[in-house]
PDB file of all heavy atoms in Angstrom:
ATOM      1  N   PHE A   1     -14.501  13.037   1.267  1.00  0.00           N
ATOM      2  CA  PHE A   1     -14.994  11.949   2.116  1.00  0.00           C
ATOM      3  C   PHE A   1     -16.325  11.400   1.615  1.00  0.00           C
ATOM      4  O   PHE A   1     -16.609  10.201   1.706  1.00  0.00           O
ATOM      5  CB  PHE A   1     -15.136  12.485   3.546  1.00  0.00           C
ATOM      6  CG  PHE A   1     -15.268  11.436   4.617  1.00  0.00           C
ATOM      7  CD1 PHE A   1     -15.256  10.068   4.353  1.00  0.00           C
ATOM      8  CD2 PHE A   1     -15.412  11.837   5.940  1.00  0.00           C
ATOM      9  CE1 PHE A   1     -15.376   9.128   5.360  1.00  0.00           C
ATOM     10  CE2 PHE A   1     -15.533  10.900   6.961  1.00  0.00           C
ATOM     11  CZ  PHE A   1     -15.524   9.550   6.664  1.00  0.00           C
ATOM     12  N   THR A   2     -17.189  12.271   1.081  1.00  0.00           N
ATOM     13  CA  THR A   2     -18.524  11.837   0.651  1.00  0.00           C
ATOM     14  C   THR A   2     -18.540  11.214  -0.739  1.00  0.00           C
ATOM     15  O   THR A   2     -19.588  10.769  -1.203  1.00  0.00           O
ATOM     16  CB  THR A   2     -19.491  13.026   0.671  1.00  0.00           C
ATOM     17  OG1 THR A   2     -18.930  14.095  -0.101  1.00  0.00           O
ATOM     18  CG2 THR A   2     -19.734  13.503   2.100  1.00  0.00           C
ATOM     19  N   ASP A   3     -17.401  11.165  -1.402  1.00  0.00           N
ATOM     20  CA  ASP A   3     -17.308  10.576  -2.740  1.00  0.00           C
ATOM     21  C   ASP A   3     -17.039   9.078  -2.605  1.00  0.00           C
ATOM     22  O   ASP A   3     -15.979   8.668  -2.141  1.00  0.00           O
ATOM     23  CB  ASP A   3     -16.183  11.260  -3.517  1.00  0.00           C
ATOM     24  CG  ASP A   3     -16.045  10.736  -4.932  1.00  0.00           C
ATOM     25  OD1 ASP A   3     -16.803   9.824  -5.322  1.00  0.00           O
ATOM     26  OD2 ASP A   3     -15.157  11.220  -5.657  1.00  0.00           O
ATOM     27  N   TYR A   4     -18.024   8.253  -3.030  1.00  0.00           N
ATOM     28  CA  TYR A   4     -17.886   6.802  -2.885  1.00  0.00           C
ATOM     29  C   TYR A   4     -17.212   6.131  -4.075  1.00  0.00           C
ATOM     30  O   TYR A   4     -17.089   4.909  -4.113  1.00  0.00           O
ATOM     31  CB  TYR A   4     -19.250   6.163  -2.599  1.00  0.00           C
ATOM     32  CG  TYR A   4     -19.542   6.051  -1.115  1.00  0.00           C
ATOM     33  CD1 TYR A   4     -19.886   7.160  -0.367  1.00  0.00           C
ATOM     34  CD2 TYR A   4     -19.431   4.839  -0.463  1.00  0.00           C
ATOM     35  CE1 TYR A   4     -20.129   7.067   0.994  1.00  0.00           C
ATOM     36  CE2 TYR A   4     -19.681   4.724   0.900  1.00  0.00           C
ATOM     37  CZ  TYR A   4     -20.025   5.847   1.616  1.00  0.00           C
ATOM     38  OH  TYR A   4     -20.256   5.741   2.973  1.00  0.00           O
ATOM     39  N   SER A   5     -16.795   6.908  -5.057  1.00  0.00           N
ATOM     40  CA  SER A   5     -15.993   6.330  -6.133  1.00  0.00           C
ATOM     41  C   SER A   5     -14.668   5.852  -5.568  1.00  0.00           C
ATOM     42  O   SER A   5     -14.078   6.484  -4.691  1.00  0.00           O
ATOM     43  CB  SER A   5     -15.749   7.366  -7.220  1.00  0.00           C
ATOM     44  OG  SER A   5     -14.754   6.919  -8.120  1.00  0.00           O
ATOM     45  N   MET A   6     -14.163   4.748  -6.082  1.00  0.00           N
ATOM     46  CA  MET A   6     -12.889   4.225  -5.608  1.00  0.00           C
ATOM     47  C   MET A   6     -11.700   4.865  -6.314  1.00  0.00           C
ATOM     48  O   MET A   6     -10.558   4.605  -5.951  1.00  0.00           O
ATOM     49  CB  MET A   6     -12.840   2.705  -5.787  1.00  0.00           C
ATOM     50  CG  MET A   6     -13.801   1.953  -4.874  1.00  0.00           C
ATOM     51  SD  MET A   6     -13.614   2.386  -3.121  1.00  0.00           S
ATOM     52  CE  MET A   6     -11.942   1.852  -2.807  1.00  0.00           C
ATOM     53  N   GLU A   7     -11.948   5.692  -7.305  1.00  0.00           N
ATOM     54  CA  GLU A   7     -10.846   6.343  -8.008  1.00  0.00           C
ATOM     55  C   GLU A   7     -10.023   7.171  -7.031  1.00  0.00           C
ATOM     56  O   GLU A   7     -10.534   8.006  -6.284  1.00  0.00           O
ATOM     57  CB  GLU A   7     -11.392   7.243  -9.118  1.00  0.00           C
ATOM     58  CG  GLU A   7     -10.325   7.740 -10.070  1.00  0.00           C
ATOM     59  CD  GLU A   7      -9.628   6.618 -10.818  1.00  0.00           C
ATOM     60  OE1 GLU A   7     -10.292   5.622 -11.189  1.00  0.00           O
ATOM     61  OE2 GLU A   7      -8.400   6.728 -11.020  1.00  0.00           O
ATOM     62  N   GLY A   8      -8.714   6.920  -7.003  1.00  0.00           N
ATOM     63  CA  GLY A   8      -7.815   7.630  -6.108  1.00  0.00           C
ATOM     64  C   GLY A   8      -7.784   7.092  -4.691  1.00  0.00           C
ATOM     65  O   GLY A   8      -7.069   7.636  -3.844  1.00  0.00           O
ATOM     66  N   ARG A   9      -8.540   6.023  -4.422  1.00  0.00           N
ATOM     67  CA  ARG A   9      -8.628   5.486  -3.062  1.00  0.00           C
ATOM     68  C   ARG A   9      -7.914   4.143  -2.945  1.00  0.00           C
ATOM     69  O   ARG A   9      -7.925   3.343  -3.871  1.00  0.00           O
ATOM     70  CB  ARG A   9     -10.090   5.274  -2.659  1.00  0.00           C
ATOM     71  CG  ARG A   9     -10.886   6.545  -2.523  1.00  0.00           C
ATOM     72  CD  ARG A   9     -12.217   6.257  -1.837  1.00  0.00           C
ATOM     73  NE  ARG A   9     -13.010   7.472  -1.732  1.00  0.00           N
ATOM     74  CZ  ARG A   9     -12.841   8.386  -0.792  1.00  0.00           C
ATOM     75  NH1 ARG A   9     -11.892   8.231   0.118  1.00  0.00           N
ATOM     76  NH2 ARG A   9     -13.604   9.467  -0.756  1.00  0.00           N
ATOM     77  N   THR A  10      -7.391   3.884  -1.786  1.00  0.00           N
ATOM     78  CA  THR A  10      -6.743   2.630  -1.387  1.00  0.00           C
ATOM     79  C   THR A  10      -5.581   2.316  -2.329  1.00  0.00           C
ATOM     80  O   THR A  10      -5.388   2.967  -3.356  1.00  0.00           O
ATOM     81  CB  THR A  10      -7.733   1.446  -1.327  1.00  0.00           C
ATOM     82  OG1 THR A  10      -8.041   0.956  -2.640  1.00  0.00           O
ATOM     83  CG2 THR A  10      -9.013   1.842  -0.603  1.00  0.00           C
ATOM     84  N   TYR A  11      -4.816   1.313  -1.976  1.00  0.00           N
ATOM     85  CA  TYR A  11      -3.657   0.972  -2.795  1.00  0.00           C
ATOM     86  C   TYR A  11      -4.060   0.556  -4.200  1.00  0.00           C
ATOM     87  O   TYR A  11      -3.259   0.615  -5.144  1.00  0.00           O
ATOM     88  CB  TYR A  11      -2.860  -0.161  -2.134  1.00  0.00           C
ATOM     89  CG  TYR A  11      -3.464  -1.526  -2.341  1.00  0.00           C
ATOM     90  CD1 TYR A  11      -3.043  -2.355  -3.381  1.00  0.00           C
ATOM     91  CD2 TYR A  11      -4.480  -2.000  -1.518  1.00  0.00           C
ATOM     92  CE1 TYR A  11      -3.602  -3.611  -3.580  1.00  0.00           C
ATOM     93  CE2 TYR A  11      -5.044  -3.244  -1.708  1.00  0.00           C
ATOM     94  CZ  TYR A  11      -4.605  -4.048  -2.743  1.00  0.00           C
ATOM     95  OH  TYR A  11      -5.169  -5.282  -2.938  1.00  0.00           O
ATOM     96  N   ARG A  12      -5.317   0.191  -4.371  1.00  0.00           N
ATOM     97  CA  ARG A  12      -5.749  -0.326  -5.666  1.00  0.00           C
ATOM     98  C   ARG A  12      -5.915   0.768  -6.712  1.00  0.00           C
ATOM     99  O   ARG A  12      -5.781   0.507  -7.911  1.00  0.00           O
ATOM    100  CB  ARG A  12      -7.053  -1.107  -5.493  1.00  0.00           C
ATOM    101  CG  ARG A  12      -6.902  -2.251  -4.489  1.00  0.00           C
ATOM    102  CD  ARG A  12      -8.230  -2.886  -4.169  1.00  0.00           C
ATOM    103  NE  ARG A  12      -8.570  -3.877  -5.165  1.00  0.00           N
ATOM    104  CZ  ARG A  12      -9.820  -4.176  -5.516  1.00  0.00           C
ATOM    105  NH1 ARG A  12     -10.820  -3.535  -4.979  1.00  0.00           N
ATOM    106  NH2 ARG A  12     -10.045  -5.114  -6.394  1.00  0.00           N
ATOM    107  N   TYR A  13      -6.211   1.976  -6.268  1.00  0.00           N
ATOM    108  CA  TYR A  13      -6.430   3.068  -7.223  1.00  0.00           C
ATOM    109  C   TYR A  13      -5.692   4.357  -6.870  1.00  0.00           C
ATOM    110  O   TYR A  13      -5.820   5.342  -7.579  1.00  0.00           O
ATOM    111  CB  TYR A  13      -7.930   3.361  -7.348  1.00  0.00           C
ATOM    112  CG  TYR A  13      -8.670   2.307  -8.156  1.00  0.00           C
ATOM    113  CD1 TYR A  13      -9.479   1.367  -7.534  1.00  0.00           C
ATOM    114  CD2 TYR A  13      -8.537   2.262  -9.544  1.00  0.00           C
ATOM    115  CE1 TYR A  13     -10.151   0.401  -8.279  1.00  0.00           C
ATOM    116  CE2 TYR A  13      -9.197   1.304 -10.291  1.00  0.00           C
ATOM    117  CZ  TYR A  13     -10.007   0.375  -9.654  1.00  0.00           C
ATOM    118  OH  TYR A  13     -10.653  -0.579 -10.390  1.00  0.00           O
ATOM    119  N   MET A  14      -4.932   4.368  -5.808  1.00  0.00           N
ATOM    120  CA  MET A  14      -4.193   5.566  -5.404  1.00  0.00           C
ATOM    121  C   MET A  14      -2.856   5.620  -6.145  1.00  0.00           C
ATOM    122  O   MET A  14      -2.043   4.701  -6.050  1.00  0.00           O
ATOM    123  CB  MET A  14      -3.961   5.536  -3.887  1.00  0.00           C
ATOM    124  CG  MET A  14      -3.189   6.715  -3.352  1.00  0.00           C
ATOM    125  SD  MET A  14      -3.015   6.569  -1.540  1.00  0.00           S
ATOM    126  CE  MET A  14      -1.927   7.940  -1.209  1.00  0.00           C
ATOM    127  N   ARG A  15      -2.630   6.709  -6.875  1.00  0.00           N
ATOM    128  CA  ARG A  15      -1.410   6.833  -7.677  1.00  0.00           C
ATOM    129  C   ARG A  15      -0.302   7.595  -6.962  1.00  0.00           C
ATOM    130  O   ARG A  15       0.868   7.479  -7.326  1.00  0.00           O
ATOM    131  CB  ARG A  15      -1.729   7.509  -9.015  1.00  0.00           C
ATOM    132  CG  ARG A  15      -2.667   6.660  -9.868  1.00  0.00           C
ATOM    133  CD  ARG A  15      -2.930   7.265 -11.224  1.00  0.00           C
ATOM    134  NE  ARG A  15      -3.851   6.435 -11.989  1.00  0.00           N
ATOM    135  CZ  ARG A  15      -3.502   5.368 -12.702  1.00  0.00           C
ATOM    136  NH1 ARG A  15      -2.225   5.011 -12.750  1.00  0.00           N
ATOM    137  NH2 ARG A  15      -4.403   4.657 -13.357  1.00  0.00           N
ATOM    138  N   GLU A  16      -0.656   8.381  -5.944  1.00  0.00           N
ATOM    139  CA  GLU A  16       0.360   9.122  -5.201  1.00  0.00           C
ATOM    140  C   GLU A  16       1.080   8.198  -4.228  1.00  0.00           C
ATOM    141  O   GLU A  16       0.521   7.211  -3.767  1.00  0.00           O
ATOM    142  CB  GLU A  16      -0.288  10.276  -4.441  1.00  0.00           C
ATOM    143  CG  GLU A  16      -0.955  11.303  -5.341  1.00  0.00           C
ATOM    144  CD  GLU A  16      -1.620  12.389  -4.539  1.00  0.00           C
ATOM    145  OE1 GLU A  16      -0.902  13.235  -3.974  1.00  0.00           O
ATOM    146  OE2 GLU A  16      -2.862  12.390  -4.452  1.00  0.00           O
ATOM    147  N   GLU A  17       2.319   8.530  -3.915  1.00  0.00           N
ATOM    148  CA  GLU A  17       3.104   7.707  -3.003  1.00  0.00           C
ATOM    149  C   GLU A  17       2.599   7.878  -1.576  1.00  0.00           C
ATOM    150  O   GLU A  17       2.499   8.997  -1.072  1.00  0.00           O
ATOM    151  CB  GLU A  17       4.576   8.090  -3.073  1.00  0.00           C
ATOM    152  CG  GLU A  17       5.472   7.200  -2.223  1.00  0.00           C
ATOM    153  CD  GLU A  17       6.931   7.578  -2.324  1.00  0.00           C
ATOM    154  OE1 GLU A  17       7.309   8.600  -1.717  1.00  0.00           O
ATOM    155  OE2 GLU A  17       7.683   6.869  -3.009  1.00  0.00           O
ATOM    156  N   PRO A  18       2.286   6.785  -0.881  1.00  0.00           N
ATOM    157  CA  PRO A  18       1.774   6.893   0.481  1.00  0.00           C
ATOM    158  C   PRO A  18       2.904   7.081   1.492  1.00  0.00           C
ATOM    159  O   PRO A  18       4.083   6.958   1.153  1.00  0.00           O
ATOM    160  CB  PRO A  18       1.092   5.538   0.695  1.00  0.00           C
ATOM    161  CG  PRO A  18       1.933   4.592  -0.114  1.00  0.00           C
ATOM    162  CD  PRO A  18       2.347   5.381  -1.338  1.00  0.00           C
ATOM    163  N   LEU A  19       2.509   7.368   2.719  1.00  0.00           N
ATOM    164  CA  LEU A  19       3.489   7.384   3.810  1.00  0.00           C
ATOM    165  C   LEU A  19       3.915   5.952   4.116  1.00  0.00           C
ATOM    166  O   LEU A  19       5.112   5.650   4.177  1.00  0.00           O
ATOM    167  CB  LEU A  19       2.883   8.047   5.042  1.00  0.00           C
ATOM    168  CG  LEU A  19       3.800   8.208   6.253  1.00  0.00           C
ATOM    169  CD1 LEU A  19       4.987   9.104   5.918  1.00  0.00           C
ATOM    170  CD2 LEU A  19       3.019   8.765   7.444  1.00  0.00           C
ATOM    171  N   TYR A  20       2.926   5.066   4.301  1.00  0.00           N
ATOM    172  CA  TYR A  20       3.181   3.633   4.494  1.00  0.00           C
ATOM    173  C   TYR A  20       2.195   2.867   3.622  1.00  0.00           C
ATOM    174  O   TYR A  20       0.986   3.106   3.681  1.00  0.00           O
ATOM    175  CB  TYR A  20       2.993   3.224   5.956  1.00  0.00           C
ATOM    176  CG  TYR A  20       3.865   3.965   6.931  1.00  0.00           C
ATOM    177  CD1 TYR A  20       3.304   4.841   7.855  1.00  0.00           C
ATOM    178  CD2 TYR A  20       5.248   3.803   6.935  1.00  0.00           C
ATOM    179  CE1 TYR A  20       4.103   5.535   8.758  1.00  0.00           C
ATOM    180  CE2 TYR A  20       6.053   4.495   7.825  1.00  0.00           C
ATOM    181  CZ  TYR A  20       5.473   5.364   8.734  1.00  0.00           C
ATOM    182  OH  TYR A  20       6.263   6.055   9.618  1.00  0.00           O
ATOM    183  N   PRO A  21       2.667   1.921   2.825  1.00  0.00           N
ATOM    184  CA  PRO A  21       1.781   1.242   1.882  1.00  0.00           C
ATOM    185  C   PRO A  21       1.002   0.088   2.505  1.00  0.00           C
ATOM    186  O   PRO A  21       1.389  -0.465   3.539  1.00  0.00           O
ATOM    187  CB  PRO A  21       2.755   0.716   0.820  1.00  0.00           C
ATOM    188  CG  PRO A  21       4.032   0.495   1.570  1.00  0.00           C
ATOM    189  CD  PRO A  21       4.082   1.572   2.621  1.00  0.00           C
ATOM    190  N   PHE A  22      -0.092  -0.263   1.863  1.00  0.00           N
ATOM    191  CA  PHE A  22      -0.885  -1.421   2.257  1.00  0.00           C
ATOM    192  C   PHE A  22      -0.001  -2.670   2.295  1.00  0.00           C
ATOM    193  O   PHE A  22       0.836  -2.893   1.430  1.00  0.00           O
ATOM    194  CB  PHE A  22      -2.022  -1.638   1.251  1.00  0.00           C
ATOM    195  CG  PHE A  22      -2.843  -2.867   1.501  1.00  0.00           C
ATOM    196  CD1 PHE A  22      -3.931  -2.834   2.348  1.00  0.00           C
ATOM    197  CD2 PHE A  22      -2.518  -4.067   0.883  1.00  0.00           C
ATOM    198  CE1 PHE A  22      -4.685  -3.974   2.590  1.00  0.00           C
ATOM    199  CE2 PHE A  22      -3.267  -5.215   1.116  1.00  0.00           C
ATOM    200  CZ  PHE A  22      -4.347  -5.164   1.976  1.00  0.00           C
ATOM    201  N   GLY A  23      -0.195  -3.488   3.319  1.00  0.00           N
ATOM    202  CA  GLY A  23       0.545  -4.738   3.441  1.00  0.00           C
ATOM    203  C   GLY A  23       1.916  -4.600   4.068  1.00  0.00           C
ATOM    204  O   GLY A  23       2.611  -5.601   4.289  1.00  0.00           O
ATOM    205  N   PHE A  24       2.331  -3.375   4.395  1.00  0.00           N
ATOM    206  CA  PHE A  24       3.695  -3.120   4.871  1.00  0.00           C
ATOM    207  C   PHE A  24       3.839  -3.406   6.363  1.00  0.00           C
ATOM    208  O   PHE A  24       2.929  -3.190   7.156  1.00  0.00           O
ATOM    209  CB  PHE A  24       4.073  -1.666   4.600  1.00  0.00           C
ATOM    210  CG  PHE A  24       5.375  -1.236   5.217  1.00  0.00           C
ATOM    211  CD1 PHE A  24       6.579  -1.707   4.737  1.00  0.00           C
ATOM    212  CD2 PHE A  24       5.385  -0.362   6.302  1.00  0.00           C
ATOM    213  CE1 PHE A  24       7.782  -1.310   5.303  1.00  0.00           C
ATOM    214  CE2 PHE A  24       6.575   0.049   6.873  1.00  0.00           C
ATOM    215  CZ  PHE A  24       7.783  -0.430   6.379  1.00  0.00           C
ATOM    216  N   GLY A  25       5.030  -3.849   6.733  1.00  0.00           N
ATOM    217  CA  GLY A  25       5.419  -4.036   8.115  1.00  0.00           C
ATOM    218  C   GLY A  25       6.820  -4.615   8.157  1.00  0.00           C
ATOM    219  O   GLY A  25       7.150  -5.540   7.395  1.00  0.00           O
ATOM    220  N   LEU A  26       7.658  -4.066   9.014  1.00  0.00           N
ATOM    221  CA  LEU A  26       9.036  -4.526   9.135  1.00  0.00           C
ATOM    222  C   LEU A  26       9.155  -5.663  10.144  1.00  0.00           C
ATOM    223  O   LEU A  26       8.226  -5.957  10.891  1.00  0.00           O
ATOM    224  CB  LEU A  26       9.938  -3.364   9.554  1.00  0.00           C
ATOM    225  CG  LEU A  26      10.023  -2.185   8.589  1.00  0.00           C
ATOM    226  CD1 LEU A  26      10.824  -1.048   9.212  1.00  0.00           C
ATOM    227  CD2 LEU A  26      10.627  -2.611   7.259  1.00  0.00           C
ATOM    228  N   SER A  27      10.327  -6.276  10.172  1.00  0.00           N
ATOM    229  CA  SER A  27      10.623  -7.393  11.061  1.00  0.00           C
ATOM    230  C   SER A  27      11.997  -7.172  11.673  1.00  0.00           C
ATOM    231  O   SER A  27      12.798  -6.370  11.181  1.00  0.00           O
ATOM    232  CB  SER A  27      10.599  -8.712  10.274  1.00  0.00           C
ATOM    233  OG  SER A  27      11.035  -9.802  11.064  1.00  0.00           O
ATOM    234  N   TYR A  28      12.304  -7.882  12.745  1.00  0.00           N
ATOM    235  CA  TYR A  28      13.674  -7.899  13.260  1.00  0.00           C
ATOM    236  C   TYR A  28      14.555  -8.819  12.423  1.00  0.00           C
ATOM    237  O   TYR A  28      15.781  -8.700  12.424  1.00  0.00           O
ATOM    238  CB  TYR A  28      13.701  -8.351  14.712  1.00  0.00           C
ATOM    239  CG  TYR A  28      12.992  -7.430  15.673  1.00  0.00           C
ATOM    240  CD1 TYR A  28      12.433  -7.911  16.852  1.00  0.00           C
ATOM    241  CD2 TYR A  28      12.892  -6.065  15.416  1.00  0.00           C
ATOM    242  CE1 TYR A  28      11.787  -7.077  17.742  1.00  0.00           C
ATOM    243  CE2 TYR A  28      12.247  -5.215  16.292  1.00  0.00           C
ATOM    244  CZ  TYR A  28      11.688  -5.726  17.461  1.00  0.00           C
ATOM    245  OH  TYR A  28      11.057  -4.887  18.334  1.00  0.00           O
ATOM    246  N   ALA A  29      13.918  -9.746  11.722  1.00  0.00           N
ATOM    247  CA  ALA A  29      14.639 -10.646  10.821  1.00  0.00           C
ATOM    248  C   ALA A  29      14.751 -10.002   9.444  1.00  0.00           C
ATOM    249  O   ALA A  29      14.116  -8.984   9.152  1.00  0.00           O
ATOM    250  CB  ALA A  29      13.924 -11.986  10.730  1.00  0.00           C
ATOM    251  N   THR A  30      15.543 -10.593   8.575  1.00  0.00           N
ATOM    252  CA  THR A  30      15.622 -10.178   7.177  1.00  0.00           C
ATOM    253  C   THR A  30      15.229 -11.359   6.305  1.00  0.00           C
ATOM    254  O   THR A  30      15.489 -12.519   6.641  1.00  0.00           O
ATOM    255  CB  THR A  30      17.027  -9.693   6.801  1.00  0.00           C
ATOM    256  OG1 THR A  30      17.973 -10.746   7.091  1.00  0.00           O
ATOM    257  CG2 THR A  30      17.397  -8.442   7.580  1.00  0.00           C
ATOM    258  N   PHE A  31      14.615 -11.056   5.156  1.00  0.00           N
ATOM    259  CA  PHE A  31      14.098 -12.100   4.273  1.00  0.00           C
ATOM    260  C   PHE A  31      14.495 -11.804   2.838  1.00  0.00           C
ATOM    261  O   PHE A  31      14.752 -10.663   2.459  1.00  0.00           O
ATOM    262  CB  PHE A  31      12.572 -12.170   4.356  1.00  0.00           C
ATOM    263  CG  PHE A  31      12.040 -12.472   5.733  1.00  0.00           C
ATOM    264  CD1 PHE A  31      11.660 -11.442   6.581  1.00  0.00           C
ATOM    265  CD2 PHE A  31      11.936 -13.772   6.183  1.00  0.00           C
ATOM    266  CE1 PHE A  31      11.180 -11.702   7.851  1.00  0.00           C
ATOM    267  CE2 PHE A  31      11.453 -14.055   7.456  1.00  0.00           C
ATOM    268  CZ  PHE A  31      11.081 -13.009   8.292  1.00  0.00           C
ATOM    269  N   SER A  32      14.525 -12.849   2.037  1.00  0.00           N
ATOM    270  CA  SER A  32      14.724 -12.672   0.596  1.00  0.00           C
ATOM    271  C   SER A  32      13.705 -13.526  -0.147  1.00  0.00           C
ATOM    272  O   SER A  32      13.295 -14.597   0.325  1.00  0.00           O
ATOM    273  CB  SER A  32      16.143 -13.064   0.179  1.00  0.00           C
ATOM    274  OG  SER A  32      16.331 -14.466   0.288  1.00  0.00           O
ATOM    275  N   TYR A  33      13.295 -13.021  -1.300  1.00  0.00           N
ATOM    276  CA  TYR A  33      12.349 -13.707  -2.184  1.00  0.00           C
ATOM    277  C   TYR A  33      13.068 -14.039  -3.473  1.00  0.00           C
ATOM    278  O   TYR A  33      13.833 -13.218  -4.000  1.00  0.00           O
ATOM    279  CB  TYR A  33      11.158 -12.801  -2.497  1.00  0.00           C
ATOM    280  CG  TYR A  33      10.215 -12.541  -1.340  1.00  0.00           C
ATOM    281  CD1 TYR A  33      10.577 -11.696  -0.295  1.00  0.00           C
ATOM    282  CD2 TYR A  33       8.958 -13.127  -1.307  1.00  0.00           C
ATOM    283  CE1 TYR A  33       9.720 -11.440   0.758  1.00  0.00           C
ATOM    284  CE2 TYR A  33       8.079 -12.877  -0.259  1.00  0.00           C
ATOM    285  CZ  TYR A  33       8.464 -12.031   0.768  1.00  0.00           C
ATOM    286  OH  TYR A  33       7.601 -11.787   1.809  1.00  0.00           O
ATOM    287  N   ARG A  34      12.796 -15.227  -4.008  1.00  0.00           N
ATOM    288  CA  ARG A  34      13.431 -15.583  -5.276  1.00  0.00           C
ATOM    289  C   ARG A  34      12.617 -16.659  -5.988  1.00  0.00           C
ATOM    290  O   ARG A  34      11.777 -17.349  -5.391  1.00  0.00           O
ATOM    291  CB  ARG A  34      14.858 -16.087  -5.054  1.00  0.00           C
ATOM    292  CG  ARG A  34      14.964 -17.360  -4.237  1.00  0.00           C
ATOM    293  CD  ARG A  34      16.405 -17.886  -4.215  1.00  0.00           C
ATOM    294  NE  ARG A  34      17.274 -16.997  -3.465  1.00  0.00           N
ATOM    295  CZ  ARG A  34      17.514 -17.132  -2.153  1.00  0.00           C
ATOM    296  NH1 ARG A  34      16.942 -18.122  -1.463  1.00  0.00           N
ATOM    297  NH2 ARG A  34      18.315 -16.309  -1.529  1.00  0.00           N
ATOM    298  N   GLY A  35      12.873 -16.754  -7.292  1.00  0.00           N
ATOM    299  CA  GLY A  35      12.408 -17.882  -8.081  1.00  0.00           C
ATOM    300  C   GLY A  35      10.918 -17.996  -8.288  1.00  0.00           C
ATOM    301  O   GLY A  35      10.370 -19.102  -8.237  1.00  0.00           O
TER     302      GLY A  35
END
């Protein structure tokens, strides 16, 4: 906790798989991305 280096922290530097990733959230709708 007292280490202020960003190495290993947040989605930007964390290499391990998270439980839920940054930016994530489901919907009742479904979407597709293309092009």
